[in-house]
Amino acid sequence: MEFSLKLQYYRLVCVMVLLPALCYSKDYFVKSRATYYGSSDGLGTTSGACGFGEYGRNISSGNVAGVYRLYKNGVGCGACYQVRCTTNPQICTKKGVNVVVTDYGQGDNTDFILSHHAYEAMARPGTADRLFAYGVVGVEYQRVPCQYVGHKIQVKVHEYSRNPDYLAIIMLYQAGKSDILSVDIWQQGKWVEMRRSFGAVFDMPNPPLGAISLRFKVHDNAGIKWPKAVIPRNWKAGVAYDTDIQLQ
């Protein structure tokens, strides 16, 4: 009887320990649809809804996308996804393409509006014209870690800012599978939440004078984190400032 109970116990432990590992070791793709938008150079757009500007045009070699349901009122900006077409296996590669979310867009029941460059990257060599001919294709996607070798988070002072009257910021090189939920600024002895102005842009009128202390509410696989950064007192619009923050 005692042996039987021990055997059942070890079986239960095995299931509890090994089953999650087996489940999470496999890729999990979601089925959807994707289309593309045109541009003169095939890259992204500087006017994307996330507010990234030039960064949003050429990050990830221009493999960028506008999303619909994954936009999440701007929280989805900067996330990376592997997208691969499923419409025609003779045309579509198995790997697909990794894209960065830089814009909001809704097509014909699509979750992704890919840059011309990203859409083409889903096709096998010599078959891109056939893929473009579909216009809209079936895809499957999964979120993947963003990887920026040699980069940590940068805090860019948005071009709309005016020192000292108005501060707007946006974070660049958001690595890993992390979401930046909110940003706080240290003001008069306490943390004050900045407004999400649009996309991934956070702002505050009449920010504190001097160096600006910031903290970020970040959600990743481990839960909520609060990394901090400082930008100099003489901050300037359009300048991106390095931090020691490395998201995962």
Protein backbone atom coordinates (compact mmCIF):
# COMPACT_ATOMS: atom_id res chain seq x y z
CA MET A 1 0.00 0.00 0.00
CA GLU A 2 2.81 2.39 0.96
CA PHE A 3 4.68 1.58 -2.27
CA SER A 4 1.52 2.21 -4.31
CA LEU A 5 1.02 5.64 -2.72
CA LYS A 6 4.64 6.57 -3.35
CA LEU A 7 4.35 5.50 -6.98
CA GLN A 8 1.24 7.63 -7.45
CA TYR A 9 3.01 10.57 -5.80
CA TYR A 10 6.02 10.33 -8.11
CA ARG A 11 3.72 10.05 -11.14
CA LEU A 12 1.90 13.21 -10.03
CA VAL A 13 5.17 15.11 -9.55
CA CYS A 14 6.31 13.96 -12.98
CA VAL A 15 3.11 15.27 -14.60
CA MET A 16 3.25 18.59 -12.72
CA VAL A 17 6.91 19.20 -13.56
CA LEU A 18 7.27 17.79 -17.05
CA LEU A 19 3.92 18.55 -18.67
CA PRO A 20 4.28 22.38 -18.56
CA ALA A 21 7.78 22.06 -20.00
CA LEU A 22 6.48 19.92 -22.82
CA CYS A 23 3.62 22.30 -23.50
CA TYR A 24 5.71 25.47 -23.50
CA SER A 25 8.54 23.99 -25.52
CA LYS A 26 6.35 23.89 -28.62
CA ASP A 27 5.63 26.87 -30.81
CA TYR A 28 2.11 28.21 -30.55
CA PHE A 29 0.80 29.93 -33.66
CA VAL A 30 -2.47 31.82 -34.10
CA LYS A 31 -4.22 31.74 -37.45
CA SER A 32 -5.15 35.05 -39.06
CA ARG A 33 -4.83 37.06 -42.29
CA ALA A 34 -2.34 39.64 -43.53
CA THR A 35 -2.02 42.17 -46.31
CA TYR A 36 0.56 44.85 -47.16
CA TYR A 37 0.91 48.55 -47.84
CA GLY A 38 3.07 50.22 -50.42
CA SER A 39 5.86 52.74 -49.94
CA SER A 40 8.48 54.21 -52.23
CA ASP A 41 11.29 52.15 -50.68
CA GLY A 42 9.32 49.15 -49.40
CA LEU A 43 10.10 49.99 -45.77
CA GLY A 44 7.88 51.31 -43.00
CA THR A 45 6.31 54.72 -42.59
CA THR A 46 7.51 57.63 -40.44
CA SER A 47 3.91 58.55 -39.60
CA GLY A 48 2.89 55.29 -37.92
CA ALA A 49 0.36 55.44 -35.09
CA CYS A 50 2.94 54.27 -32.53
CA GLY A 51 4.84 57.54 -32.89
CA PHE A 52 8.26 56.04 -33.66
CA GLY A 53 9.00 58.37 -36.58
CA GLU A 54 12.11 57.47 -38.58
CA TYR A 55 12.85 54.57 -36.22
CA GLY A 56 9.52 53.04 -37.25
CA ARG A 57 10.47 53.25 -40.91
CA ASN A 58 13.68 51.25 -40.90
CA ILE A 59 13.90 49.25 -37.65
CA SER A 60 14.38 45.52 -38.30
CA SER A 61 15.52 46.35 -41.86
CA GLY A 62 12.05 47.71 -42.58
CA ASN A 63 10.28 44.49 -41.60
CA VAL A 64 7.49 46.26 -39.74
CA ALA A 65 3.73 46.05 -39.50
CA GLY A 66 0.55 47.81 -38.58
CA VAL A 67 -1.72 45.68 -36.41
CA TYR A 68 -5.35 45.69 -35.42
CA ARG A 69 -6.27 43.60 -32.36
CA LEU A 70 -2.64 43.41 -31.24
CA TYR A 71 -2.32 47.21 -31.01
CA LYS A 72 -3.88 47.27 -27.51
CA ASN A 73 -4.26 51.04 -27.36
CA GLY A 74 -0.53 51.44 -27.95
CA VAL A 75 0.73 48.85 -25.46
CA GLY A 76 1.38 46.54 -28.42
CA CYS A 77 3.77 49.01 -30.05
CA GLY A 78 7.31 47.68 -30.30
CA ALA A 79 6.30 44.03 -29.93
CA CYS A 80 7.80 41.47 -32.33
CA TYR A 81 5.95 38.68 -34.13
CA GLN A 82 6.90 35.85 -36.41
CA VAL A 83 4.42 35.84 -39.29
CA ARG A 84 4.32 33.15 -41.97
CA CYS A 85 1.84 32.78 -44.78
CA THR A 86 -0.18 29.61 -45.19
CA THR A 87 -2.10 30.29 -48.40
CA ASN A 88 0.22 28.37 -50.72
CA PRO A 89 3.08 26.14 -49.50
CA GLN A 90 4.71 26.39 -52.93
CA ILE A 91 5.11 30.13 -52.39
CA CYS A 92 5.32 30.57 -48.61
CA THR A 93 8.47 29.85 -46.63
CA LYS A 94 8.26 27.82 -43.42
CA LYS A 95 10.12 30.49 -41.46
CA GLY A 96 8.14 33.52 -42.61
CA VAL A 97 9.32 36.90 -41.35
CA ASN A 98 9.86 38.59 -37.98
CA VAL A 99 8.24 42.03 -37.79
CA VAL A 100 8.11 44.89 -35.31
CA VAL A 101 4.78 46.59 -34.57
CA THR A 102 5.08 50.27 -35.48
CA ASP A 103 1.58 51.22 -36.61
CA TYR A 104 -2.16 50.58 -36.29
CA GLY A 105 -4.11 49.28 -39.25
CA GLN A 106 -7.21 47.29 -40.12
CA GLY A 107 -7.61 45.62 -43.49
CA ASP A 108 -9.96 42.95 -44.83
CA ASN A 109 -10.34 40.99 -41.58
CA THR A 110 -6.58 41.11 -41.10
CA ASP A 111 -4.41 41.29 -38.00
CA PHE A 112 -1.32 42.45 -39.89
CA ILE A 113 -0.70 45.08 -42.55
CA LEU A 114 2.90 44.37 -43.43
CA SER A 115 5.42 46.65 -45.06
CA HIS A 116 6.14 45.73 -48.67
CA HIS A 117 9.55 44.46 -47.57
CA ALA A 118 8.10 42.22 -44.83
CA TYR A 119 5.36 40.81 -47.05
CA GLU A 120 7.91 39.90 -49.71
CA ALA A 121 10.09 38.19 -47.09
CA MET A 122 7.37 35.56 -46.53
CA ALA A 123 7.77 34.30 -50.11
CA ARG A 124 10.17 31.74 -51.48
CA PRO A 125 12.83 33.09 -53.87
CA GLY A 126 11.33 34.02 -57.22
CA THR A 127 7.70 33.79 -56.06
CA ALA A 128 7.12 37.24 -54.52
CA ASP A 129 5.01 38.44 -57.46
CA ARG A 130 2.66 35.51 -57.01
CA LEU A 131 2.32 36.28 -53.30
CA PHE A 132 1.59 39.95 -53.97
CA ALA A 133 -1.06 38.89 -56.48
CA TYR A 134 -3.15 37.45 -53.64
CA GLY A 135 -3.40 40.84 -51.94
CA VAL A 136 -4.56 39.23 -48.70
CA VAL A 137 -3.17 35.89 -47.49
CA GLY A 138 -3.81 33.48 -44.69
CA VAL A 139 -1.08 33.58 -42.04
CA GLU A 140 -0.20 32.18 -38.69
CA TYR A 141 1.74 34.17 -36.13
CA GLN A 142 3.32 34.02 -32.71
CA ARG A 143 4.98 36.59 -30.51
CA VAL A 144 8.76 36.29 -30.38
CA PRO A 145 11.46 38.15 -28.42
CA CYS A 146 12.73 41.33 -30.03
CA GLN A 147 16.52 41.23 -30.35
CA TYR A 148 18.67 44.33 -30.73
CA VAL A 149 22.33 43.38 -30.48
CA GLY A 150 24.40 46.17 -28.94
CA HIS A 151 21.37 48.19 -27.82
CA LYS A 152 19.65 48.79 -24.52
CA ILE A 153 16.48 50.80 -24.08
CA GLN A 154 16.75 54.37 -25.31
CA VAL A 155 14.44 57.14 -24.14
CA LYS A 156 13.79 59.46 -27.03
CA VAL A 157 12.45 62.94 -26.35
CA HIS A 158 9.73 63.29 -28.95
CA GLU A 159 9.96 66.07 -31.51
CA TYR A 160 6.78 67.63 -30.10
CA SER A 161 8.57 68.42 -26.80
CA ARG A 162 9.51 71.95 -25.68
CA ASN A 163 11.94 72.34 -22.80
CA PRO A 164 10.89 73.28 -20.12
CA ASP A 165 7.16 73.53 -20.86
CA TYR A 166 6.23 70.15 -22.32
CA LEU A 167 7.87 66.73 -22.32
CA ALA A 168 6.89 63.78 -24.51
CA ILE A 169 8.96 60.59 -24.64
CA ILE A 170 9.00 57.26 -26.45
CA MET A 171 11.09 54.17 -25.78
CA LEU A 172 13.24 52.60 -28.51
CA TYR A 173 14.89 49.15 -28.73
CA GLN A 174 12.30 47.41 -26.55
CA ALA A 175 13.89 43.97 -26.42
CA GLY A 176 12.43 40.64 -25.32
CA LYS A 177 8.72 39.96 -25.00
CA SER A 178 8.05 42.87 -22.65
CA ASP A 179 5.19 45.36 -22.62
CA ILE A 180 5.66 48.90 -21.29
CA LEU A 181 2.34 49.50 -19.54
CA SER A 182 2.98 52.98 -18.15
CA VAL A 183 5.66 55.54 -17.30
CA ASP A 184 6.02 57.55 -14.08
CA ILE A 185 8.00 60.74 -13.51
CA TRP A 186 9.45 61.84 -10.15
CA GLN A 187 7.85 65.14 -9.22
CA GLN A 188 7.65 66.94 -5.88
CA GLY A 189 8.71 63.91 -3.85
CA LYS A 190 6.45 61.30 -5.45
CA TRP A 191 5.96 59.28 -8.62
CA VAL A 192 3.38 60.78 -10.97
CA GLU A 193 2.03 58.80 -13.91
CA MET A 194 2.54 60.33 -17.33
CA ARG A 195 -0.29 60.35 -19.85
CA ARG A 196 -0.22 57.94 -22.78
CA SER A 197 -0.64 60.60 -25.44
CA PHE A 198 -0.89 58.23 -28.41
CA GLY A 199 0.68 54.97 -29.46
CA ALA A 200 3.88 54.49 -27.44
CA VAL A 201 4.27 58.21 -26.65
CA PHE A 202 3.94 59.39 -23.04
CA ASP A 203 3.75 63.07 -22.14
CA MET A 204 3.44 65.62 -19.34
CA PRO A 205 2.97 69.40 -19.38
CA ASN A 206 5.22 71.44 -17.09
CA PRO A 207 7.62 68.62 -16.20
CA PRO A 208 9.97 69.09 -13.22
CA LEU A 209 13.04 71.23 -13.75
CA GLY A 210 16.45 69.62 -13.73
CA ALA A 211 17.28 66.03 -14.57
CA ILE A 212 14.18 63.91 -15.23
CA SER A 213 13.83 60.66 -13.26
CA LEU A 214 11.60 58.06 -14.87
CA ARG A 215 10.35 54.61 -13.97
CA PHE A 216 8.62 52.18 -16.28
CA LYS A 217 5.92 49.67 -15.45
CA VAL A 218 7.01 46.67 -17.51
CA HIS A 219 5.23 43.35 -17.85
CA ASP A 220 7.11 40.27 -19.00
CA ASN A 221 6.99 36.52 -18.41
CA ALA A 222 8.27 37.03 -14.86
CA GLY A 223 5.55 39.54 -13.93
CA ILE A 224 5.75 43.30 -13.26
CA LYS A 225 9.06 45.17 -13.06
CA TRP A 226 9.89 48.83 -12.41
CA PRO A 227 13.21 49.73 -14.11
CA LYS A 228 14.36 53.35 -13.77
CA ALA A 229 16.23 55.83 -15.97
CA VAL A 230 17.29 59.47 -15.94
CA ILE A 231 17.47 61.97 -18.78
CA PRO A 232 19.61 65.11 -18.40
CA ARG A 233 18.26 68.49 -17.34
CA ASN A 234 19.10 70.05 -20.71
CA TRP A 235 17.07 67.46 -22.64
CA LYS A 236 16.32 68.33 -26.23
CA ALA A 237 13.52 67.42 -28.59
CA GLY A 238 14.45 64.71 -31.06
CA VAL A 239 17.38 63.35 -29.02
CA ALA A 240 17.47 59.71 -27.84
CA TYR A 241 19.20 59.09 -24.50
CA ASP A 242 20.85 55.79 -23.56
CA THR A 243 19.84 53.88 -20.43
CA ASP A 244 21.08 50.82 -18.57
CA ILE A 245 17.74 49.05 -19.02
CA GLN A 246 17.87 45.71 -20.84
CA LEU A 247 14.43 44.14 -21.22
CA GLN A 248 14.06 40.40 -21.78
